[in-house]
Amino acid sequence: MEKLIDNTVYPVNVLSAIFGTGGDEYFYYCDKEQLEQTVNEIMQLNFTTEDCTVFFSVYKERKPISKIANELDCAEETITYIHSRILRNLRCPKLSRRLNAFTDTVKVCDDDSGLISEIKLDNEPIAVTNNGEIKAFIMSPDLYNTLNQKAMLVDKIMCVIKEHYDKLYGSL
C-alpha cells in the first residue's frame, strides 16, 4: 500500500542516497514493501556478498563505518570505497531504472511543531498536512485532471451566474 514515508527510513533512505533527494522536509510516496523487495533483488543479483553486507549495514542497520570495518576486519577507507562503488553502480541507468519508479517525492514544510498526516479523497491521498494546515498536494494525474475539470466547470457556472446577476442588478 502506498503511503508517505520519511526519507530516513530503510529502504527509502537508499533512494535518497542514490537520487539525491534529501532533507527532512521530503517524504516519499511509495509502497515500502515493494521497494524493499526491489532493493534486495538488485543487491543480490548485481553485487558480491561483501558488498551486500556493507550496503545493508549502512542503510538497514544504520551502523557507522568504523563499526562495519571492525566487524569485517578491514580499514574504514575500504568500507567507504565499497560504499561509494555500490552507490555509483546503483546510479547507472541499468540499475537505477528499476528504482526510479519509487521516486515520487513530496516536500513538506515542517516547522517542528507536530503531526504530519494525509488528506484523502475516495481513499486516495491528495494532500499532506501538518497540524491541520495543508503543506503539499499529492495526487495522481487522473485525480488532478478530474478535480481540474470540476473546478473549470464551477468557474464557468460562476461566470454565468455573475452575468445574469449583472443583467438583473447591475455590475458588482
N, C-alpha and C. Protein backbone atom coordinates (compact mmCIF):
# COMPACT_ATOMS: atom_id res chain seq x y z
N MET A 1 0.84 -1.19 0.00
CA MET A 1 0.00 0.00 0.00
C MET A 1 0.87 1.24 0.00
N GLU A 2 0.59 2.15 -0.88
CA GLU A 2 1.39 3.37 -0.98
C GLU A 2 1.06 4.33 0.16
N LYS A 3 2.10 4.95 0.71
CA LYS A 3 1.90 5.96 1.74
C LYS A 3 3.13 6.84 1.81
N LEU A 4 3.01 7.90 2.56
CA LEU A 4 4.14 8.81 2.73
C LEU A 4 5.14 8.20 3.69
N ILE A 5 6.41 8.21 3.31
CA ILE A 5 7.45 7.61 4.14
C ILE A 5 8.58 8.61 4.30
N ASP A 6 9.03 8.77 5.52
CA ASP A 6 10.15 9.64 5.84
C ASP A 6 11.39 9.14 5.10
N ASN A 7 12.20 10.03 4.56
CA ASN A 7 13.34 9.60 3.75
C ASN A 7 14.53 9.10 4.56
N THR A 8 14.41 8.99 5.88
CA THR A 8 15.49 8.44 6.69
C THR A 8 15.26 6.98 7.04
N VAL A 9 14.14 6.42 6.62
CA VAL A 9 13.77 5.05 6.95
C VAL A 9 14.18 4.11 5.82
N TYR A 10 14.72 2.92 6.19
CA TYR A 10 15.06 1.93 5.16
C TYR A 10 13.78 1.38 4.59
N PRO A 11 13.67 1.14 3.30
CA PRO A 11 14.64 1.28 2.23
C PRO A 11 14.59 2.63 1.52
N VAL A 12 13.78 3.55 2.04
CA VAL A 12 13.64 4.87 1.39
C VAL A 12 14.94 5.67 1.48
N ASN A 13 15.72 5.45 2.54
CA ASN A 13 16.99 6.16 2.66
C ASN A 13 17.95 5.80 1.52
N VAL A 14 17.77 4.62 0.92
CA VAL A 14 18.57 4.22 -0.23
C VAL A 14 18.24 5.13 -1.42
N LEU A 15 16.95 5.41 -1.63
CA LEU A 15 16.55 6.30 -2.72
C LEU A 15 17.15 7.68 -2.55
N SER A 16 17.16 8.18 -1.33
CA SER A 16 17.75 9.50 -1.06
C SER A 16 19.23 9.51 -1.41
N ALA A 17 19.93 8.43 -1.08
CA ALA A 17 21.36 8.36 -1.35
C ALA A 17 21.64 8.25 -2.85
N ILE A 18 20.80 7.51 -3.57
CA ILE A 18 21.03 7.28 -5.00
C ILE A 18 20.64 8.50 -5.83
N PHE A 19 19.43 9.01 -5.60
CA PHE A 19 18.89 10.05 -6.47
C PHE A 19 19.09 11.47 -5.93
N GLY A 20 19.56 11.59 -4.68
CA GLY A 20 19.93 12.88 -4.16
C GLY A 20 18.81 13.74 -3.63
N THR A 21 17.58 13.22 -3.58
CA THR A 21 16.51 14.00 -2.96
C THR A 21 16.66 13.83 -1.47
N GLY A 22 16.91 14.90 -0.81
CA GLY A 22 17.21 14.79 0.61
C GLY A 22 16.59 15.88 1.43
N GLY A 23 16.96 15.90 2.65
CA GLY A 23 16.42 16.87 3.58
C GLY A 23 15.24 16.28 4.31
N ASP A 24 15.06 16.70 5.54
CA ASP A 24 13.99 16.16 6.37
C ASP A 24 12.60 16.56 5.89
N GLU A 25 12.54 17.55 4.99
CA GLU A 25 11.23 18.01 4.54
C GLU A 25 10.69 17.17 3.39
N TYR A 26 11.46 16.19 2.91
CA TYR A 26 10.99 15.36 1.80
C TYR A 26 10.45 14.04 2.31
N PHE A 27 9.34 13.63 1.72
CA PHE A 27 8.75 12.34 2.02
C PHE A 27 8.52 11.61 0.71
N TYR A 28 8.68 10.31 0.74
CA TYR A 28 8.43 9.51 -0.45
C TYR A 28 7.03 8.94 -0.39
N TYR A 29 6.40 8.88 -1.55
CA TYR A 29 5.06 8.33 -1.67
C TYR A 29 5.20 7.04 -2.47
N CYS A 30 5.34 5.91 -1.76
CA CYS A 30 5.57 4.64 -2.45
C CYS A 30 5.16 3.47 -1.57
N ASP A 31 5.22 2.29 -2.16
CA ASP A 31 4.94 1.04 -1.46
C ASP A 31 6.26 0.56 -0.85
N LYS A 32 6.39 0.68 0.46
CA LYS A 32 7.65 0.40 1.14
C LYS A 32 8.07 -1.07 0.98
N GLU A 33 7.12 -1.99 1.08
CA GLU A 33 7.45 -3.41 0.98
C GLU A 33 7.95 -3.77 -0.42
N GLN A 34 7.29 -3.22 -1.42
CA GLN A 34 7.70 -3.49 -2.80
C GLN A 34 9.08 -2.87 -3.08
N LEU A 35 9.32 -1.68 -2.55
CA LEU A 35 10.63 -1.05 -2.70
C LEU A 35 11.71 -1.89 -2.05
N GLU A 36 11.45 -2.37 -0.84
CA GLU A 36 12.43 -3.19 -0.14
C GLU A 36 12.74 -4.46 -0.92
N GLN A 37 11.72 -5.09 -1.47
CA GLN A 37 11.91 -6.30 -2.27
C GLN A 37 12.75 -6.00 -3.50
N THR A 38 12.48 -4.88 -4.17
CA THR A 38 13.25 -4.49 -5.36
C THR A 38 14.71 -4.22 -5.01
N VAL A 39 14.96 -3.51 -3.92
CA VAL A 39 16.33 -3.22 -3.50
C VAL A 39 17.06 -4.52 -3.20
N ASN A 40 16.41 -5.42 -2.48
CA ASN A 40 17.04 -6.71 -2.15
C ASN A 40 17.38 -7.50 -3.40
N GLU A 41 16.47 -7.54 -4.36
CA GLU A 41 16.72 -8.26 -5.62
C GLU A 41 17.91 -7.66 -6.37
N ILE A 42 17.94 -6.35 -6.48
CA ILE A 42 19.03 -5.68 -7.19
C ILE A 42 20.37 -5.98 -6.51
N MET A 43 20.39 -5.90 -5.21
CA MET A 43 21.64 -6.15 -4.48
C MET A 43 22.10 -7.59 -4.65
N GLN A 44 21.20 -8.55 -4.51
CA GLN A 44 21.59 -9.96 -4.61
C GLN A 44 22.04 -10.35 -6.02
N LEU A 45 21.43 -9.76 -7.03
CA LEU A 45 21.75 -10.13 -8.41
C LEU A 45 22.99 -9.43 -8.96
N ASN A 46 23.35 -8.28 -8.42
CA ASN A 46 24.40 -7.46 -9.03
C ASN A 46 25.63 -7.20 -8.17
N PHE A 47 25.62 -7.64 -6.92
CA PHE A 47 26.73 -7.32 -6.03
C PHE A 47 27.20 -8.56 -5.27
N THR A 48 28.44 -8.48 -4.79
CA THR A 48 29.02 -9.60 -4.03
C THR A 48 28.42 -9.64 -2.62
N THR A 49 28.70 -10.72 -1.92
CA THR A 49 28.22 -10.87 -0.55
C THR A 49 28.80 -9.79 0.35
N GLU A 50 30.10 -9.47 0.15
CA GLU A 50 30.72 -8.41 0.94
C GLU A 50 30.06 -7.06 0.67
N ASP A 51 29.78 -6.78 -0.60
CA ASP A 51 29.09 -5.54 -0.95
C ASP A 51 27.74 -5.47 -0.26
N CYS A 52 26.99 -6.56 -0.30
CA CYS A 52 25.66 -6.59 0.33
C CYS A 52 25.75 -6.37 1.83
N THR A 53 26.76 -6.99 2.45
CA THR A 53 26.95 -6.82 3.89
C THR A 53 27.19 -5.35 4.23
N VAL A 54 28.06 -4.69 3.48
CA VAL A 54 28.34 -3.27 3.71
C VAL A 54 27.09 -2.44 3.48
N PHE A 55 26.44 -2.68 2.36
CA PHE A 55 25.24 -1.91 1.99
C PHE A 55 24.16 -2.01 3.06
N PHE A 56 23.80 -3.24 3.45
CA PHE A 56 22.72 -3.41 4.43
C PHE A 56 23.13 -2.93 5.81
N SER A 57 24.42 -3.00 6.13
CA SER A 57 24.88 -2.47 7.42
C SER A 57 24.73 -0.95 7.47
N VAL A 58 25.03 -0.30 6.35
CA VAL A 58 24.94 1.16 6.31
C VAL A 58 23.49 1.62 6.30
N TYR A 59 22.67 1.03 5.43
CA TYR A 59 21.32 1.55 5.22
C TYR A 59 20.25 0.89 6.07
N LYS A 60 20.31 -0.40 6.26
CA LYS A 60 19.25 -1.08 7.01
C LYS A 60 19.52 -1.06 8.51
N GLU A 61 20.76 -1.38 8.86
CA GLU A 61 21.11 -1.45 10.29
C GLU A 61 21.63 -0.12 10.83
N ARG A 62 21.93 0.81 9.93
CA ARG A 62 22.37 2.17 10.28
C ARG A 62 23.64 2.17 11.15
N LYS A 63 24.56 1.26 10.85
CA LYS A 63 25.81 1.17 11.61
C LYS A 63 26.81 2.19 11.08
N PRO A 64 27.66 2.71 11.95
CA PRO A 64 28.71 3.62 11.48
C PRO A 64 29.79 2.84 10.72
N ILE A 65 30.49 3.53 9.84
CA ILE A 65 31.54 2.91 9.02
C ILE A 65 32.59 2.22 9.89
N SER A 66 32.96 2.85 10.99
CA SER A 66 34.00 2.27 11.86
C SER A 66 33.57 0.91 12.42
N LYS A 67 32.33 0.79 12.81
CA LYS A 67 31.84 -0.48 13.35
C LYS A 67 31.80 -1.57 12.27
N ILE A 68 31.39 -1.19 11.07
CA ILE A 68 31.36 -2.15 9.95
C ILE A 68 32.79 -2.60 9.65
N ALA A 69 33.75 -1.67 9.65
CA ALA A 69 35.15 -2.01 9.39
C ALA A 69 35.67 -2.99 10.43
N ASN A 70 35.34 -2.78 11.69
CA ASN A 70 35.76 -3.70 12.75
C ASN A 70 35.15 -5.08 12.55
N GLU A 71 33.88 -5.14 12.20
CA GLU A 71 33.20 -6.43 12.01
C GLU A 71 33.79 -7.20 10.83
N LEU A 72 34.15 -6.49 9.77
CA LEU A 72 34.69 -7.15 8.58
C LEU A 72 36.21 -7.23 8.60
N ASP A 73 36.79 -6.72 9.67
CA ASP A 73 38.24 -6.75 9.86
C ASP A 73 38.99 -6.14 8.67
N CYS A 74 38.62 -4.90 8.36
CA CYS A 74 39.31 -4.17 7.30
C CYS A 74 39.32 -2.69 7.66
N ALA A 75 39.99 -1.91 6.83
CA ALA A 75 40.13 -0.47 7.10
C ALA A 75 38.84 0.28 6.78
N GLU A 76 38.64 1.40 7.48
CA GLU A 76 37.46 2.23 7.23
C GLU A 76 37.45 2.75 5.79
N GLU A 77 38.62 3.03 5.25
CA GLU A 77 38.72 3.50 3.86
C GLU A 77 38.19 2.46 2.89
N THR A 78 38.42 1.19 3.20
CA THR A 78 37.93 0.11 2.35
C THR A 78 36.41 0.09 2.35
N ILE A 79 35.81 0.25 3.52
CA ILE A 79 34.35 0.26 3.63
C ILE A 79 33.79 1.47 2.90
N THR A 80 34.42 2.63 3.06
CA THR A 80 33.99 3.84 2.37
C THR A 80 34.07 3.66 0.86
N TYR A 81 35.15 3.02 0.40
CA TYR A 81 35.31 2.77 -1.03
C TYR A 81 34.21 1.83 -1.54
N ILE A 82 33.95 0.75 -0.81
CA ILE A 82 32.91 -0.21 -1.21
C ILE A 82 31.56 0.49 -1.26
N HIS A 83 31.27 1.28 -0.24
CA HIS A 83 30.00 2.01 -0.18
C HIS A 83 29.86 2.96 -1.37
N SER A 84 30.91 3.70 -1.68
CA SER A 84 30.88 4.63 -2.81
C SER A 84 30.69 3.89 -4.14
N ARG A 85 31.38 2.76 -4.29
CA ARG A 85 31.26 1.98 -5.52
C ARG A 85 29.85 1.42 -5.69
N ILE A 86 29.24 0.98 -4.60
CA ILE A 86 27.86 0.47 -4.67
C ILE A 86 26.92 1.58 -5.13
N LEU A 87 27.02 2.76 -4.53
CA LEU A 87 26.15 3.88 -4.92
C LEU A 87 26.38 4.27 -6.37
N ARG A 88 27.63 4.30 -6.79
CA ARG A 88 27.94 4.64 -8.18
C ARG A 88 27.29 3.63 -9.13
N ASN A 89 27.39 2.36 -8.79
CA ASN A 89 26.79 1.32 -9.64
C ASN A 89 25.26 1.39 -9.61
N LEU A 90 24.69 1.72 -8.46
CA LEU A 90 23.23 1.83 -8.37
C LEU A 90 22.70 3.03 -9.15
N ARG A 91 23.54 4.03 -9.36
CA ARG A 91 23.12 5.22 -10.11
C ARG A 91 23.16 5.00 -11.62
N CYS A 92 23.84 3.95 -12.07
CA CYS A 92 23.91 3.73 -13.52
C CYS A 92 22.51 3.39 -14.03
N PRO A 93 22.20 3.78 -15.26
CA PRO A 93 20.84 3.63 -15.79
C PRO A 93 20.28 2.21 -15.71
N LYS A 94 21.14 1.23 -15.92
CA LYS A 94 20.68 -0.16 -15.91
C LYS A 94 20.03 -0.54 -14.57
N LEU A 95 20.63 -0.12 -13.46
CA LEU A 95 20.11 -0.47 -12.14
C LEU A 95 19.12 0.57 -11.60
N SER A 96 19.39 1.85 -11.89
CA SER A 96 18.52 2.89 -11.33
C SER A 96 17.14 2.91 -11.98
N ARG A 97 17.02 2.35 -13.17
CA ARG A 97 15.74 2.34 -13.88
C ARG A 97 14.66 1.67 -13.04
N ARG A 98 15.01 0.56 -12.39
CA ARG A 98 14.01 -0.16 -11.57
C ARG A 98 13.64 0.63 -10.31
N LEU A 99 14.58 1.37 -9.77
CA LEU A 99 14.31 2.13 -8.55
C LEU A 99 13.63 3.47 -8.83
N ASN A 100 13.78 3.97 -10.04
CA ASN A 100 13.22 5.26 -10.40
C ASN A 100 11.70 5.30 -10.26
N ALA A 101 11.06 4.14 -10.38
CA ALA A 101 9.59 4.08 -10.25
C ALA A 101 9.12 4.44 -8.85
N PHE A 102 10.03 4.41 -7.88
CA PHE A 102 9.66 4.68 -6.49
C PHE A 102 10.02 6.08 -6.04
N THR A 103 10.38 6.96 -6.95
CA THR A 103 10.95 8.25 -6.55
C THR A 103 9.96 9.41 -6.51
N ASP A 104 8.68 9.15 -6.40
CA ASP A 104 7.74 10.25 -6.22
C ASP A 104 7.95 10.85 -4.84
N THR A 105 8.30 12.14 -4.80
CA THR A 105 8.54 12.78 -3.52
C THR A 105 7.56 13.90 -3.28
N VAL A 106 7.38 14.19 -2.02
CA VAL A 106 6.52 15.29 -1.60
C VAL A 106 7.33 16.12 -0.62
N LYS A 107 7.43 17.41 -0.88
CA LYS A 107 8.13 18.29 0.04
C LYS A 107 7.13 18.84 1.03
N VAL A 108 7.43 18.66 2.30
CA VAL A 108 6.57 19.15 3.37
C VAL A 108 7.34 20.17 4.17
N CYS A 109 6.79 21.37 4.28
CA CYS A 109 7.45 22.44 5.03
C CYS A 109 7.15 22.25 6.50
N ASP A 110 7.93 21.44 7.16
CA ASP A 110 7.69 21.11 8.56
C ASP A 110 8.38 22.14 9.44
N ASP A 111 7.64 22.64 10.40
CA ASP A 111 8.22 23.63 11.31
C ASP A 111 8.44 23.03 12.70
N ASP A 112 8.70 21.73 12.77
CA ASP A 112 8.97 21.02 14.02
C ASP A 112 7.84 21.15 15.03
N SER A 113 6.63 21.40 14.56
CA SER A 113 5.56 21.64 15.53
C SER A 113 4.55 20.52 15.63
N GLY A 114 4.69 19.45 14.86
CA GLY A 114 3.71 18.42 15.12
C GLY A 114 3.47 17.41 14.05
N LEU A 115 2.26 16.97 14.05
CA LEU A 115 1.84 15.80 13.30
C LEU A 115 1.74 16.06 11.80
N ILE A 116 2.32 15.14 11.05
CA ILE A 116 2.19 15.18 9.60
C ILE A 116 1.25 14.06 9.20
N SER A 117 0.24 14.38 8.42
CA SER A 117 -0.74 13.37 8.03
C SER A 117 -1.20 13.60 6.60
N GLU A 118 -2.07 12.71 6.13
CA GLU A 118 -2.57 12.79 4.77
C GLU A 118 -4.05 13.16 4.77
N ILE A 119 -4.47 13.88 3.74
CA ILE A 119 -5.89 14.11 3.49
C ILE A 119 -6.26 13.19 2.34
N LYS A 120 -7.34 12.47 2.50
CA LYS A 120 -7.73 11.51 1.47
C LYS A 120 -9.07 11.88 0.86
N LEU A 121 -9.22 11.55 -0.42
CA LEU A 121 -10.47 11.71 -1.14
C LEU A 121 -10.73 10.38 -1.82
N ASP A 122 -11.82 9.73 -1.48
CA ASP A 122 -12.12 8.40 -2.00
C ASP A 122 -10.96 7.44 -1.77
N ASN A 123 -10.39 7.46 -0.56
CA ASN A 123 -9.28 6.60 -0.15
C ASN A 123 -7.98 6.85 -0.90
N GLU A 124 -7.86 7.97 -1.60
CA GLU A 124 -6.63 8.31 -2.30
C GLU A 124 -6.06 9.59 -1.68
N PRO A 125 -4.78 9.55 -1.24
CA PRO A 125 -4.20 10.75 -0.64
C PRO A 125 -4.13 11.90 -1.65
N ILE A 126 -4.55 13.08 -1.21
CA ILE A 126 -4.47 14.24 -2.11
C ILE A 126 -3.66 15.38 -1.51
N ALA A 127 -3.40 15.34 -0.20
CA ALA A 127 -2.64 16.43 0.41
C ALA A 127 -1.93 15.95 1.67
N VAL A 128 -0.89 16.68 2.03
CA VAL A 128 -0.16 16.43 3.27
C VAL A 128 -0.42 17.60 4.19
N THR A 129 -0.72 17.29 5.44
CA THR A 129 -0.99 18.36 6.40
C THR A 129 -0.02 18.28 7.57
N ASN A 130 0.19 19.40 8.20
CA ASN A 130 0.97 19.47 9.42
C ASN A 130 0.14 20.27 10.41
N ASN A 131 -0.33 19.62 11.46
CA ASN A 131 -1.22 20.24 12.45
C ASN A 131 -2.45 20.85 11.78
N GLY A 132 -3.00 20.13 10.82
CA GLY A 132 -4.22 20.57 10.16
C GLY A 132 -4.04 21.57 9.05
N GLU A 133 -2.82 22.04 8.84
CA GLU A 133 -2.55 23.03 7.81
C GLU A 133 -2.00 22.33 6.57
N ILE A 134 -2.59 22.58 5.40
CA ILE A 134 -2.14 21.92 4.18
C ILE A 134 -0.76 22.44 3.80
N LYS A 135 0.19 21.49 3.61
CA LYS A 135 1.57 21.85 3.27
C LYS A 135 1.93 21.45 1.85
N ALA A 136 1.31 20.42 1.30
CA ALA A 136 1.62 19.99 -0.07
C ALA A 136 0.47 19.17 -0.61
N PHE A 137 0.29 19.24 -1.92
CA PHE A 137 -0.73 18.43 -2.58
C PHE A 137 -0.04 17.27 -3.30
N ILE A 138 -0.60 16.09 -3.13
CA ILE A 138 -0.10 14.92 -3.86
C ILE A 138 -1.31 14.22 -4.44
N MET A 139 -1.28 14.00 -5.72
CA MET A 139 -2.40 13.29 -6.33
C MET A 139 -1.95 12.72 -7.65
N SER A 140 -2.66 11.71 -8.05
CA SER A 140 -2.36 11.10 -9.34
C SER A 140 -2.77 12.07 -10.45
N PRO A 141 -2.17 11.93 -11.62
CA PRO A 141 -2.57 12.81 -12.74
C PRO A 141 -4.06 12.68 -13.07
N ASP A 142 -4.61 11.48 -12.96
CA ASP A 142 -6.04 11.29 -13.25
C ASP A 142 -6.91 12.08 -12.27
N LEU A 143 -6.58 11.98 -10.98
CA LEU A 143 -7.35 12.71 -9.98
C LEU A 143 -7.19 14.21 -10.17
N TYR A 144 -5.97 14.65 -10.48
CA TYR A 144 -5.73 16.07 -10.73
C TYR A 144 -6.59 16.56 -11.89
N ASN A 145 -6.61 15.80 -12.97
CA ASN A 145 -7.40 16.19 -14.15
C ASN A 145 -8.89 16.25 -13.81
N THR A 146 -9.36 15.26 -13.04
CA THR A 146 -10.78 15.24 -12.64
C THR A 146 -11.12 16.47 -11.82
N LEU A 147 -10.29 16.76 -10.80
CA LEU A 147 -10.55 17.93 -9.95
C LEU A 147 -10.43 19.23 -10.75
N ASN A 148 -9.47 19.28 -11.67
CA ASN A 148 -9.30 20.47 -12.50
C ASN A 148 -10.51 20.69 -13.40
N GLN A 149 -11.05 19.62 -13.98
CA GLN A 149 -12.24 19.73 -14.82
C GLN A 149 -13.43 20.22 -14.00
N LYS A 150 -13.57 19.69 -12.78
CA LYS A 150 -14.67 20.14 -11.92
C LYS A 150 -14.50 21.60 -11.55
N ALA A 151 -13.27 22.02 -11.28
CA ALA A 151 -13.01 23.43 -10.94
C ALA A 151 -13.33 24.34 -12.11
N MET A 152 -12.97 23.90 -13.33
CA MET A 152 -13.27 24.71 -14.52
C MET A 152 -14.78 24.80 -14.73
N LEU A 153 -15.51 23.72 -14.46
CA LEU A 153 -16.96 23.72 -14.59
C LEU A 153 -17.58 24.69 -13.58
N VAL A 154 -17.10 24.65 -12.35
CA VAL A 154 -17.60 25.57 -11.32
C VAL A 154 -17.29 27.01 -11.73
N ASP A 155 -16.11 27.25 -12.29
CA ASP A 155 -15.73 28.59 -12.74
C ASP A 155 -16.67 29.09 -13.84
N LYS A 156 -17.01 28.22 -14.79
CA LYS A 156 -17.94 28.59 -15.86
C LYS A 156 -19.32 28.90 -15.29
N ILE A 157 -19.78 28.08 -14.35
CA ILE A 157 -21.09 28.31 -13.73
C ILE A 157 -21.10 29.66 -13.01
N MET A 158 -20.00 29.97 -12.30
CA MET A 158 -19.92 31.25 -11.58
C MET A 158 -19.94 32.42 -12.56
N CYS A 159 -19.30 32.27 -13.71
CA CYS A 159 -19.31 33.34 -14.73
C CYS A 159 -20.73 33.57 -15.25
N VAL A 160 -21.45 32.49 -15.51
CA VAL A 160 -22.84 32.60 -15.99
C VAL A 160 -23.71 33.26 -14.93
N ILE A 161 -23.55 32.87 -13.68
CA ILE A 161 -24.33 33.46 -12.59
C ILE A 161 -24.02 34.94 -12.48
N LYS A 162 -22.74 35.30 -12.57
CA LYS A 162 -22.35 36.71 -12.48
C LYS A 162 -22.97 37.52 -13.63
N GLU A 163 -22.95 36.96 -14.84
CA GLU A 163 -23.55 37.65 -15.99
C GLU A 163 -25.04 37.90 -15.75
N HIS A 164 -25.76 36.89 -15.28
CA HIS A 164 -27.19 37.06 -15.01
C HIS A 164 -27.42 38.06 -13.88
N TYR A 165 -26.60 38.02 -12.86
CA TYR A 165 -26.73 38.96 -11.76
C TYR A 165 -26.49 40.39 -12.26
N ASP A 166 -25.45 40.56 -13.09
CA ASP A 166 -25.15 41.88 -13.65
C ASP A 166 -26.30 42.42 -14.48
N LYS A 167 -26.92 41.55 -15.26
CA LYS A 167 -28.05 41.96 -16.08
C LYS A 167 -29.24 42.40 -15.22
N LEU A 168 -29.47 41.64 -14.14
CA LEU A 168 -30.62 41.93 -13.29
C LEU A 168 -30.39 43.10 -12.34
N TYR A 169 -29.22 43.12 -11.72
CA TYR A 169 -29.00 44.08 -10.64
C TYR A 169 -27.87 45.07 -10.91
N GLY A 170 -27.28 44.99 -12.03
CA GLY A 170 -26.15 45.88 -12.33
C GLY A 170 -24.83 45.23 -11.90
N SER A 171 -23.79 45.86 -12.30
CA SER A 171 -22.44 45.34 -12.07
C SER A 171 -22.10 45.35 -10.57
N LEU A 172 -21.32 44.35 -10.13
CA LEU A 172 -20.93 44.26 -8.72
C LEU A 172 -19.94 45.32 -8.35
